[in-house]
Amino acid sequence: MGRTILNSAVRAAGFAAIIALALPVPAQAQFGGLLRSKPRASGKTATGCDDSAGKAVGRSVLGGVLGGLASRAGLPSFLPTPEVAGLLTDAIACKLEPEEQKQAADATLEATRGEEVGSTSTWTSDTRQNVSGTSTVLGKTQLADGSTCMNVNDVIIVEGEETTVSKRMCKKPGAARYEIAQA
């Protein structure tokens, strides 16, 4: 009799477990709170890409894992590289592969090097078809501290989709190059 009660209890517990597995479970319970959005002061992810929609930490972790798998499979990662941090905006860098980011940054350097309004530099991707861009100096101002600032327009075209971003770049006295001005 004791064995029958025990078997019934085990079956009931097993049945309860199956029912529990079939019911929807809140994401917080599934991942221990990993998916809860954490506020970020800058609105940017650790990679530097825009996170203004409040992307959850869990999705960031998952994205990192998937990005690692993609890179091992030879797929593009589209994450900004540290070398371009002061030259490209996130909106541009996050749409380009690392090699293309370098080309876009070089175009910005070339356009700003002459310090002439209207100076333009173009590039075409060496790694993907239908990817290109330009950097154009739109204006130039001298600041009271001796810094020179330029308004630069970046345009990229990726698979027919155009992205245009204006940025303010400044060069402090004695600096070697222009960099994106921090607000």
N, C-alpha and C. Protein backbone atom coordinates (compact mmCIF):
# COMPACT_ATOMS: atom_id res chain seq x y z
N MET A 1 0.82 -1.19 0.00
CA MET A 1 0.00 0.00 0.00
C MET A 1 0.87 1.25 0.00
N GLY A 2 1.95 1.27 0.79
CA GLY A 2 2.85 2.42 0.83
C GLY A 2 3.50 2.67 -0.51
N ARG A 3 3.78 1.55 -1.20
CA ARG A 3 4.40 1.67 -2.52
C ARG A 3 3.40 2.27 -3.52
N THR A 4 2.14 1.94 -3.44
CA THR A 4 1.11 2.47 -4.33
C THR A 4 0.96 3.97 -4.13
N ILE A 5 0.97 4.42 -2.89
CA ILE A 5 0.86 5.84 -2.60
C ILE A 5 2.09 6.56 -3.14
N LEU A 6 3.26 5.97 -2.93
CA LEU A 6 4.50 6.56 -3.44
C LEU A 6 4.47 6.66 -4.96
N ASN A 7 4.04 5.59 -5.63
CA ASN A 7 3.96 5.61 -7.10
C ASN A 7 2.97 6.67 -7.57
N SER A 8 1.84 6.79 -6.89
CA SER A 8 0.85 7.81 -7.24
C SER A 8 1.42 9.21 -7.06
N ALA A 9 2.16 9.40 -5.97
CA ALA A 9 2.76 10.71 -5.71
C ALA A 9 3.81 11.05 -6.77
N VAL A 10 4.61 10.06 -7.16
CA VAL A 10 5.64 10.27 -8.17
C VAL A 10 4.98 10.59 -9.51
N ARG A 11 3.92 9.86 -9.85
CA ARG A 11 3.21 10.12 -11.09
C ARG A 11 2.58 11.52 -11.08
N ALA A 12 2.00 11.90 -9.95
CA ALA A 12 1.38 13.21 -9.84
C ALA A 12 2.43 14.31 -9.98
N ALA A 13 3.59 14.10 -9.34
CA ALA A 13 4.66 15.10 -9.44
C ALA A 13 5.17 15.18 -10.87
N GLY A 14 5.30 14.04 -11.54
CA GLY A 14 5.74 14.01 -12.93
C GLY A 14 4.74 14.71 -13.83
N PHE A 15 3.45 14.46 -13.58
CA PHE A 15 2.40 15.10 -14.36
C PHE A 15 2.42 16.61 -14.13
N ALA A 16 2.62 17.03 -12.88
CA ALA A 16 2.69 18.46 -12.55
C ALA A 16 3.89 19.12 -13.24
N ALA A 17 5.00 18.39 -13.29
CA ALA A 17 6.20 18.92 -13.94
C ALA A 17 5.97 19.10 -15.44
N ILE A 18 5.29 18.13 -16.05
CA ILE A 18 5.00 18.22 -17.48
C ILE A 18 4.08 19.40 -17.76
N ILE A 19 3.06 19.58 -16.91
CA ILE A 19 2.14 20.71 -17.07
C ILE A 19 2.91 22.02 -16.91
N ALA A 20 3.78 22.08 -15.91
CA ALA A 20 4.55 23.31 -15.65
C ALA A 20 5.44 23.65 -16.83
N LEU A 21 6.03 22.62 -17.44
CA LEU A 21 6.89 22.87 -18.60
C LEU A 21 6.11 23.37 -19.80
N ALA A 22 4.84 22.96 -19.89
CA ALA A 22 4.03 23.36 -21.02
C ALA A 22 3.50 24.79 -20.88
N LEU A 23 3.43 25.30 -19.65
CA LEU A 23 2.91 26.64 -19.42
C LEU A 23 3.96 27.69 -19.76
N PRO A 24 3.54 28.86 -20.23
CA PRO A 24 4.52 29.92 -20.51
C PRO A 24 5.13 30.41 -19.20
N VAL A 25 6.43 30.65 -19.26
CA VAL A 25 7.16 31.13 -18.09
C VAL A 25 7.69 32.52 -18.43
N PRO A 26 7.53 33.47 -17.52
CA PRO A 26 8.07 34.80 -17.80
C PRO A 26 9.56 34.73 -18.11
N ALA A 27 9.99 35.58 -19.00
CA ALA A 27 11.40 35.59 -19.42
C ALA A 27 12.33 35.80 -18.23
N GLN A 28 11.90 36.63 -17.25
CA GLN A 28 12.75 36.89 -16.09
C GLN A 28 13.01 35.59 -15.33
N ALA A 29 12.00 34.75 -15.24
CA ALA A 29 12.16 33.49 -14.53
C ALA A 29 13.04 32.53 -15.31
N GLN A 30 12.94 32.55 -16.64
CA GLN A 30 13.72 31.65 -17.46
C GLN A 30 15.21 31.96 -17.41
N PHE A 31 15.55 33.22 -17.38
CA PHE A 31 16.94 33.63 -17.48
C PHE A 31 17.46 34.34 -16.25
N GLY A 32 16.81 34.18 -15.14
CA GLY A 32 17.30 34.76 -13.89
C GLY A 32 17.45 36.27 -13.93
N GLY A 33 16.61 36.96 -14.66
CA GLY A 33 16.67 38.40 -14.70
C GLY A 33 17.64 38.96 -15.73
N LEU A 34 18.25 38.10 -16.51
CA LEU A 34 19.20 38.58 -17.52
C LEU A 34 18.53 39.47 -18.56
N LEU A 35 17.24 39.24 -18.81
CA LEU A 35 16.58 40.00 -19.86
C LEU A 35 16.01 41.32 -19.39
N ARG A 36 16.11 41.62 -18.11
CA ARG A 36 15.64 42.90 -17.64
C ARG A 36 16.52 44.00 -18.19
N SER A 37 15.91 45.00 -18.74
CA SER A 37 16.70 46.12 -19.28
C SER A 37 17.35 46.88 -18.14
N LYS A 38 18.61 47.18 -18.31
CA LYS A 38 19.32 48.01 -17.35
C LYS A 38 19.49 49.38 -17.98
N PRO A 39 19.15 50.43 -17.27
CA PRO A 39 19.29 51.75 -17.86
C PRO A 39 20.76 52.09 -18.13
N ARG A 40 21.00 52.71 -19.25
CA ARG A 40 22.35 53.14 -19.61
C ARG A 40 22.30 54.63 -19.82
N ALA A 41 23.24 55.30 -19.24
CA ALA A 41 23.26 56.75 -19.35
C ALA A 41 23.48 57.19 -20.80
N SER A 42 24.34 56.48 -21.52
CA SER A 42 24.69 56.93 -22.86
C SER A 42 23.77 56.38 -23.94
N GLY A 43 23.03 55.31 -23.65
CA GLY A 43 22.20 54.70 -24.67
C GLY A 43 23.00 53.88 -25.67
N LYS A 44 24.23 53.48 -25.29
CA LYS A 44 25.07 52.71 -26.19
C LYS A 44 25.42 51.38 -25.55
N THR A 45 25.61 50.37 -26.39
CA THR A 45 26.02 49.07 -25.90
C THR A 45 27.51 49.08 -25.63
N ALA A 46 28.01 47.99 -25.07
CA ALA A 46 29.45 47.88 -24.81
C ALA A 46 30.24 47.95 -26.12
N THR A 47 29.61 47.58 -27.23
CA THR A 47 30.29 47.62 -28.52
C THR A 47 30.30 49.00 -29.12
N GLY A 48 29.51 49.91 -28.57
CA GLY A 48 29.44 51.26 -29.09
C GLY A 48 28.28 51.49 -30.02
N CYS A 49 27.54 50.45 -30.39
CA CYS A 49 26.38 50.62 -31.25
C CYS A 49 25.25 51.25 -30.48
N ASP A 50 24.40 51.98 -31.17
CA ASP A 50 23.28 52.68 -30.54
C ASP A 50 22.35 51.68 -29.88
N ASP A 51 21.94 51.98 -28.65
CA ASP A 51 21.04 51.14 -27.89
C ASP A 51 19.88 51.97 -27.36
N SER A 52 19.45 52.96 -28.13
CA SER A 52 18.42 53.87 -27.65
C SER A 52 17.09 53.19 -27.43
N ALA A 53 16.86 52.05 -28.03
CA ALA A 53 15.61 51.33 -27.81
C ALA A 53 15.65 50.55 -26.50
N GLY A 54 16.76 50.59 -25.76
CA GLY A 54 16.86 49.91 -24.48
C GLY A 54 17.03 48.42 -24.63
N LYS A 55 17.91 47.99 -25.50
CA LYS A 55 18.13 46.57 -25.72
C LYS A 55 18.51 45.90 -24.42
N ALA A 56 17.94 44.77 -24.15
CA ALA A 56 18.15 44.07 -22.89
C ALA A 56 19.53 43.43 -22.83
N VAL A 57 20.02 43.26 -21.62
CA VAL A 57 21.33 42.66 -21.40
C VAL A 57 21.36 41.24 -21.94
N GLY A 58 20.29 40.49 -21.74
CA GLY A 58 20.23 39.11 -22.22
C GLY A 58 20.37 39.03 -23.72
N ARG A 59 19.72 39.95 -24.43
CA ARG A 59 19.84 39.97 -25.88
C ARG A 59 21.25 40.36 -26.28
N SER A 60 21.89 41.24 -25.51
CA SER A 60 23.27 41.61 -25.80
C SER A 60 24.19 40.41 -25.66
N VAL A 61 23.97 39.63 -24.60
CA VAL A 61 24.78 38.43 -24.38
C VAL A 61 24.55 37.45 -25.51
N LEU A 62 23.27 37.24 -25.83
CA LEU A 62 22.93 36.34 -26.93
C LEU A 62 23.53 36.83 -28.24
N GLY A 63 23.46 38.14 -28.46
CA GLY A 63 24.05 38.71 -29.67
C GLY A 63 25.54 38.48 -29.74
N GLY A 64 26.22 38.60 -28.59
CA GLY A 64 27.65 38.34 -28.55
C GLY A 64 27.99 36.91 -28.89
N VAL A 65 27.19 35.99 -28.35
CA VAL A 65 27.41 34.56 -28.62
C VAL A 65 27.16 34.28 -30.10
N LEU A 66 26.04 34.79 -30.61
CA LEU A 66 25.73 34.57 -32.03
C LEU A 66 26.74 35.25 -32.93
N GLY A 67 27.22 36.44 -32.52
CA GLY A 67 28.24 37.13 -33.30
C GLY A 67 29.53 36.34 -33.38
N GLY A 68 29.90 35.72 -32.25
CA GLY A 68 31.09 34.87 -32.24
C GLY A 68 30.94 33.68 -33.16
N LEU A 69 29.76 33.06 -33.13
CA LEU A 69 29.50 31.92 -34.02
C LEU A 69 29.51 32.37 -35.47
N ALA A 70 28.93 33.55 -35.74
CA ALA A 70 28.89 34.06 -37.11
C ALA A 70 30.29 34.34 -37.64
N SER A 71 31.16 34.91 -36.78
CA SER A 71 32.51 35.22 -37.25
C SER A 71 33.29 33.95 -37.53
N ARG A 72 33.06 32.90 -36.72
CA ARG A 72 33.73 31.63 -36.99
C ARG A 72 33.22 31.01 -38.28
N ALA A 73 31.96 31.33 -38.64
CA ALA A 73 31.39 30.80 -39.87
C ALA A 73 31.73 31.69 -41.06
N GLY A 74 32.45 32.78 -40.81
CA GLY A 74 32.86 33.67 -41.90
C GLY A 74 31.83 34.74 -42.24
N LEU A 75 30.83 34.94 -41.37
CA LEU A 75 29.81 35.96 -41.62
C LEU A 75 30.24 37.28 -41.01
N PRO A 76 29.79 38.42 -41.55
CA PRO A 76 30.19 39.72 -41.01
C PRO A 76 29.60 39.98 -39.63
N SER A 77 30.30 40.78 -38.82
CA SER A 77 29.85 41.06 -37.46
C SER A 77 29.22 42.43 -37.31
N PHE A 78 29.58 43.42 -38.10
CA PHE A 78 29.03 44.76 -38.09
C PHE A 78 29.15 45.45 -36.73
N LEU A 79 30.24 45.29 -36.05
CA LEU A 79 30.49 45.98 -34.79
C LEU A 79 31.59 47.01 -35.02
N PRO A 80 31.47 48.19 -34.41
CA PRO A 80 32.51 49.19 -34.62
C PRO A 80 33.85 48.75 -34.03
N THR A 81 34.93 49.04 -34.71
CA THR A 81 36.25 48.69 -34.22
C THR A 81 36.84 49.88 -33.47
N PRO A 82 37.72 49.63 -32.50
CA PRO A 82 38.29 50.72 -31.71
C PRO A 82 39.05 51.76 -32.55
N GLU A 83 39.65 51.34 -33.66
CA GLU A 83 40.42 52.26 -34.49
C GLU A 83 39.59 53.38 -35.10
N VAL A 84 38.29 53.18 -35.23
CA VAL A 84 37.44 54.18 -35.89
C VAL A 84 36.60 54.98 -34.89
N ALA A 85 36.78 54.74 -33.61
CA ALA A 85 35.92 55.34 -32.58
C ALA A 85 35.86 56.86 -32.66
N GLY A 86 36.94 57.53 -32.91
CA GLY A 86 36.94 58.99 -32.95
C GLY A 86 36.64 59.58 -34.32
N LEU A 87 36.41 58.70 -35.31
CA LEU A 87 36.22 59.18 -36.68
C LEU A 87 34.84 58.88 -37.27
N LEU A 88 34.20 57.80 -36.81
CA LEU A 88 32.90 57.43 -37.35
C LEU A 88 31.85 57.43 -36.25
N THR A 89 30.64 57.80 -36.62
CA THR A 89 29.53 57.71 -35.68
C THR A 89 29.06 56.26 -35.61
N ASP A 90 28.39 55.92 -34.52
CA ASP A 90 27.87 54.56 -34.37
C ASP A 90 26.88 54.21 -35.47
N ALA A 91 26.07 55.18 -35.88
CA ALA A 91 25.06 54.93 -36.91
C ALA A 91 25.69 54.48 -38.23
N ILE A 92 26.90 54.94 -38.49
CA ILE A 92 27.62 54.53 -39.70
C ILE A 92 28.39 53.24 -39.43
N ALA A 93 29.19 53.22 -38.37
CA ALA A 93 30.08 52.09 -38.09
C ALA A 93 29.32 50.78 -37.91
N CYS A 94 28.16 50.83 -37.28
CA CYS A 94 27.41 49.61 -37.01
C CYS A 94 26.82 48.96 -38.25
N LYS A 95 26.85 49.64 -39.38
CA LYS A 95 26.33 49.08 -40.63
C LYS A 95 27.46 48.56 -41.52
N LEU A 96 28.69 48.73 -41.07
CA LEU A 96 29.83 48.37 -41.91
C LEU A 96 30.67 47.27 -41.26
N GLU A 97 31.26 46.46 -42.11
CA GLU A 97 32.22 45.46 -41.65
C GLU A 97 33.49 46.18 -41.23
N PRO A 98 34.35 45.54 -40.43
CA PRO A 98 35.59 46.20 -39.96
C PRO A 98 36.44 46.79 -41.09
N GLU A 99 36.57 46.08 -42.20
CA GLU A 99 37.38 46.60 -43.32
C GLU A 99 36.74 47.85 -43.91
N GLU A 100 35.41 47.85 -43.99
CA GLU A 100 34.69 49.00 -44.52
C GLU A 100 34.74 50.18 -43.55
N GLN A 101 34.70 49.89 -42.26
CA GLN A 101 34.84 50.95 -41.25
C GLN A 101 36.16 51.66 -41.44
N LYS A 102 37.21 50.90 -41.69
CA LYS A 102 38.54 51.48 -41.91
C LYS A 102 38.54 52.36 -43.16
N GLN A 103 37.90 51.89 -44.22
CA GLN A 103 37.83 52.68 -45.45
C GLN A 103 37.05 53.98 -45.21
N ALA A 104 35.94 53.90 -44.48
CA ALA A 104 35.14 55.08 -44.19
C ALA A 104 35.92 56.06 -43.31
N ALA A 105 36.65 55.54 -42.32
CA ALA A 105 37.47 56.39 -41.45
C ALA A 105 38.58 57.07 -42.26
N ASP A 106 39.20 56.32 -43.16
CA ASP A 106 40.24 56.90 -44.01
C ASP A 106 39.68 58.02 -44.89
N ALA A 107 38.46 57.83 -45.37
CA ALA A 107 37.81 58.88 -46.18
C ALA A 107 37.58 60.13 -45.35
N THR A 108 37.17 59.95 -44.10
CA THR A 108 36.97 61.10 -43.21
C THR A 108 38.30 61.82 -42.98
N LEU A 109 39.36 61.06 -42.72
CA LEU A 109 40.68 61.67 -42.53
C LEU A 109 41.11 62.45 -43.76
N GLU A 110 40.91 61.86 -44.91
CA GLU A 110 41.30 62.52 -46.16
C GLU A 110 40.50 63.80 -46.39
N ALA A 111 39.20 63.75 -46.14
CA ALA A 111 38.35 64.93 -46.36
C ALA A 111 38.72 66.06 -45.41
N THR A 112 39.07 65.74 -44.18
CA THR A 112 39.39 66.78 -43.19
C THR A 112 40.84 67.23 -43.25
N ARG A 113 41.69 66.45 -43.84
CA ARG A 113 43.12 66.77 -43.87
C ARG A 113 43.40 68.11 -44.53
N GLY A 114 42.73 68.41 -45.63
CA GLY A 114 42.96 69.66 -46.35
C GLY A 114 42.32 70.86 -45.69
N GLU A 115 41.41 70.62 -44.74
CA GLU A 115 40.72 71.68 -43.99
C GLU A 115 39.98 72.65 -44.90
N GLU A 116 39.51 72.17 -46.04
CA GLU A 116 38.77 73.00 -46.99
C GLU A 116 37.30 72.63 -47.00
N VAL A 117 36.43 73.63 -46.88
CA VAL A 117 35.00 73.39 -47.00
C VAL A 117 34.71 72.90 -48.41
N GLY A 118 33.94 71.85 -48.53
CA GLY A 118 33.62 71.26 -49.83
C GLY A 118 34.48 70.06 -50.16
N SER A 119 35.55 69.84 -49.39
CA SER A 119 36.42 68.69 -49.65
C SER A 119 35.64 67.39 -49.44
N THR A 120 35.75 66.49 -50.42
CA THR A 120 35.01 65.22 -50.38
C THR A 120 35.96 64.07 -50.66
N SER A 121 35.74 62.97 -49.96
CA SER A 121 36.50 61.74 -50.20
C SER A 121 35.51 60.58 -50.29
N THR A 122 35.68 59.74 -51.30
CA THR A 122 34.77 58.61 -51.50
C THR A 122 35.50 57.29 -51.34
N TRP A 123 34.75 56.25 -51.08
CA TRP A 123 35.32 54.91 -50.97
C TRP A 123 34.29 53.88 -51.45
N THR A 124 34.78 52.73 -51.87
CA THR A 124 33.94 51.60 -52.27
C THR A 124 34.48 50.37 -51.57
N SER A 125 33.59 49.57 -51.02
CA SER A 125 33.99 48.40 -50.25
C SER A 125 34.83 47.44 -51.08
N ASP A 126 35.88 46.93 -50.44
CA ASP A 126 36.72 45.90 -51.05
C ASP A 126 36.17 44.50 -50.75
N THR A 127 35.22 44.42 -49.80
CA THR A 127 34.75 43.11 -49.35
C THR A 127 33.31 42.78 -49.75
N ARG A 128 32.49 43.82 -49.99
CA ARG A 128 31.08 43.57 -50.35
C ARG A 128 30.68 44.43 -51.54
N GLN A 129 29.85 43.85 -52.39
CA GLN A 129 29.29 44.61 -53.50
C GLN A 129 28.21 45.54 -52.97
N ASN A 130 27.95 46.61 -53.67
CA ASN A 130 26.88 47.55 -53.33
C ASN A 130 27.05 48.22 -51.98
N VAL A 131 28.30 48.44 -51.56
CA VAL A 131 28.59 49.18 -50.32
C VAL A 131 29.63 50.24 -50.66
N SER A 132 29.28 51.51 -50.36
CA SER A 132 30.17 52.63 -50.65
C SER A 132 29.83 53.79 -49.74
N GLY A 133 30.66 54.83 -49.81
CA GLY A 133 30.38 55.98 -48.97
C GLY A 133 31.19 57.20 -49.36
N THR A 134 30.81 58.33 -48.75
CA THR A 134 31.53 59.59 -48.93
C THR A 134 31.58 60.34 -47.61
N SER A 135 32.61 61.15 -47.46
CA SER A 135 32.72 62.11 -46.37
C SER A 135 32.94 63.47 -47.02
N THR A 136 32.14 64.46 -46.59
CA THR A 136 32.22 65.80 -47.17
C THR A 136 32.25 66.84 -46.07
N VAL A 137 33.21 67.77 -46.16
CA VAL A 137 33.30 68.87 -45.20
C VAL A 137 32.29 69.94 -45.61
N LEU A 138 31.35 70.25 -44.69
CA LEU A 138 30.29 71.21 -45.00
C LEU A 138 30.55 72.60 -44.44
N GLY A 139 31.33 72.68 -43.38
CA GLY A 139 31.58 73.99 -42.77
C GLY A 139 32.76 73.92 -41.82
N LYS A 140 33.31 75.11 -41.50
CA LYS A 140 34.50 75.17 -40.65
C LYS A 140 34.39 76.39 -39.75
N THR A 141 34.74 76.20 -38.47
CA THR A 141 34.72 77.32 -37.52
C THR A 141 35.97 77.28 -36.65
N GLN A 142 36.36 78.45 -36.19
CA GLN A 142 37.49 78.58 -35.27
C GLN A 142 36.91 78.90 -33.89
N LEU A 143 37.32 78.15 -32.86
CA LEU A 143 36.83 78.37 -31.51
C LEU A 143 37.77 79.28 -30.73
N ALA A 144 37.27 79.86 -29.66
CA ALA A 144 38.05 80.79 -28.84
C ALA A 144 39.29 80.14 -28.24
N ASP A 145 39.23 78.83 -27.96
CA ASP A 145 40.38 78.14 -27.35
C ASP A 145 41.45 77.76 -28.37
N GLY A 146 41.24 78.14 -29.64
CA GLY A 146 42.21 77.84 -30.69
C GLY A 146 41.89 76.58 -31.46
N SER A 147 40.89 75.83 -31.02
CA SER A 147 40.48 74.62 -31.74
C SER A 147 39.78 75.01 -33.05
N THR A 148 39.91 74.13 -34.03
CA THR A 148 39.20 74.29 -35.29
C THR A 148 38.19 73.15 -35.38
N CYS A 149 36.96 73.48 -35.74
CA CYS A 149 35.92 72.46 -35.87
C CYS A 149 35.36 72.48 -37.28
N MET A 150 34.94 71.31 -37.74
CA MET A 150 34.33 71.15 -39.05
C MET A 150 33.04 70.36 -38.91
N ASN A 151 32.08 70.71 -39.72
CA ASN A 151 30.88 69.89 -39.86
C ASN A 151 31.11 68.98 -41.05
N VAL A 152 31.03 67.68 -40.81
CA VAL A 152 31.31 66.69 -41.84
C VAL A 152 30.06 65.84 -42.05
N ASN A 153 29.73 65.60 -43.29
CA ASN A 153 28.58 64.78 -43.65
C ASN A 153 29.09 63.44 -44.16
N ASP A 154 28.67 62.34 -43.52
CA ASP A 154 29.00 60.99 -43.98
C ASP A 154 27.76 60.39 -44.62
N VAL A 155 27.95 59.80 -45.78
CA VAL A 155 26.87 59.09 -46.46
C VAL A 155 27.40 57.71 -46.80
N ILE A 156 26.64 56.68 -46.41
CA ILE A 156 27.00 55.33 -46.84
C ILE A 156 25.79 54.72 -47.54
N ILE A 157 26.08 53.84 -48.47
CA ILE A 157 25.04 53.09 -49.16
C ILE A 157 25.37 51.62 -48.99
N VAL A 158 24.47 50.90 -48.35
CA VAL A 158 24.64 49.47 -48.12
C VAL A 158 23.43 48.76 -48.73
N GLU A 159 23.70 48.00 -49.80
CA GLU A 159 22.63 47.26 -50.47
C GLU A 159 21.47 48.18 -50.87
N GLY A 160 21.77 49.36 -51.36
CA GLY A 160 20.76 50.29 -51.83
C GLY A 160 20.15 51.17 -50.74
N GLU A 161 20.45 50.90 -49.47
CA GLU A 161 19.91 51.70 -48.38
C GLU A 161 20.93 52.78 -48.00
N GLU A 162 20.50 54.05 -48.11
CA GLU A 162 21.38 55.18 -47.82
C GLU A 162 21.24 55.62 -46.37
N THR A 163 22.37 55.85 -45.73
CA THR A 163 22.39 56.40 -44.37
C THR A 163 23.25 57.65 -44.41
N THR A 164 22.70 58.77 -43.94
CA THR A 164 23.41 60.04 -43.91
C THR A 164 23.50 60.50 -42.46
N VAL A 165 24.70 60.85 -42.03
CA VAL A 165 24.92 61.33 -40.67
C VAL A 165 25.85 62.54 -40.72
N SER A 166 25.43 63.60 -40.03
CA SER A 166 26.30 64.78 -39.89
C SER A 166 27.01 64.68 -38.55
N LYS A 167 28.27 65.06 -38.55
CA LYS A 167 29.04 65.03 -37.30
C LYS A 167 29.89 66.28 -37.20
N ARG A 168 30.15 66.67 -35.98
CA ARG A 168 31.03 67.82 -35.72
C ARG A 168 32.37 67.25 -35.29
N MET A 169 33.40 67.63 -36.01
CA MET A 169 34.76 67.14 -35.73
C MET A 169 35.63 68.33 -35.39
N CYS A 170 36.43 68.17 -34.34
CA CYS A 170 37.30 69.26 -33.91
C CYS A 170 38.74 68.79 -33.78
N LYS A 171 39.64 69.77 -33.93
CA LYS A 171 41.07 69.51 -33.75
C LYS A 171 41.60 70.57 -32.81
N LYS A 172 42.10 70.12 -31.68
CA LYS A 172 42.68 71.04 -30.70
C LYS A 172 44.05 71.51 -31.20
N PRO A 173 44.51 72.67 -30.73
CA PRO A 173 45.83 73.15 -31.15
C PRO A 173 46.90 72.09 -30.85
N GLY A 174 47.71 71.79 -31.86
CA GLY A 174 48.78 70.82 -31.70
C GLY A 174 48.36 69.38 -31.96
N ALA A 175 47.07 69.10 -32.11
CA ALA A 175 46.59 67.74 -32.36
C ALA A 175 46.89 67.36 -33.81
N ALA A 176 47.06 66.08 -34.04
CA ALA A 176 47.41 65.59 -35.37
C ALA A 176 46.22 65.52 -36.31
N ARG A 177 45.01 65.31 -35.76
CA ARG A 177 43.87 65.12 -36.65
C ARG A 177 42.57 65.56 -35.98
N TYR A 178 41.53 65.65 -36.79
CA TYR A 178 40.19 65.97 -36.31
C TYR A 178 39.56 64.70 -35.73
N GLU A 179 38.79 64.87 -34.67
CA GLU A 179 38.03 63.77 -34.07
C GLU A 179 36.64 64.25 -33.76
N ILE A 180 35.71 63.31 -33.66
CA ILE A 180 34.33 63.67 -33.35
C ILE A 180 34.28 64.39 -32.02
N ALA A 181 33.63 65.56 -32.01
CA ALA A 181 33.52 66.36 -30.79
C ALA A 181 32.51 65.73 -29.86
N GLN A 182 32.88 65.61 -28.60
CA GLN A 182 31.97 65.06 -27.59
C GLN A 182 31.06 66.18 -27.11
N ALA A 183 29.78 65.89 -27.02
CA ALA A 183 28.81 66.91 -26.60
C ALA A 183 28.90 67.19 -25.12
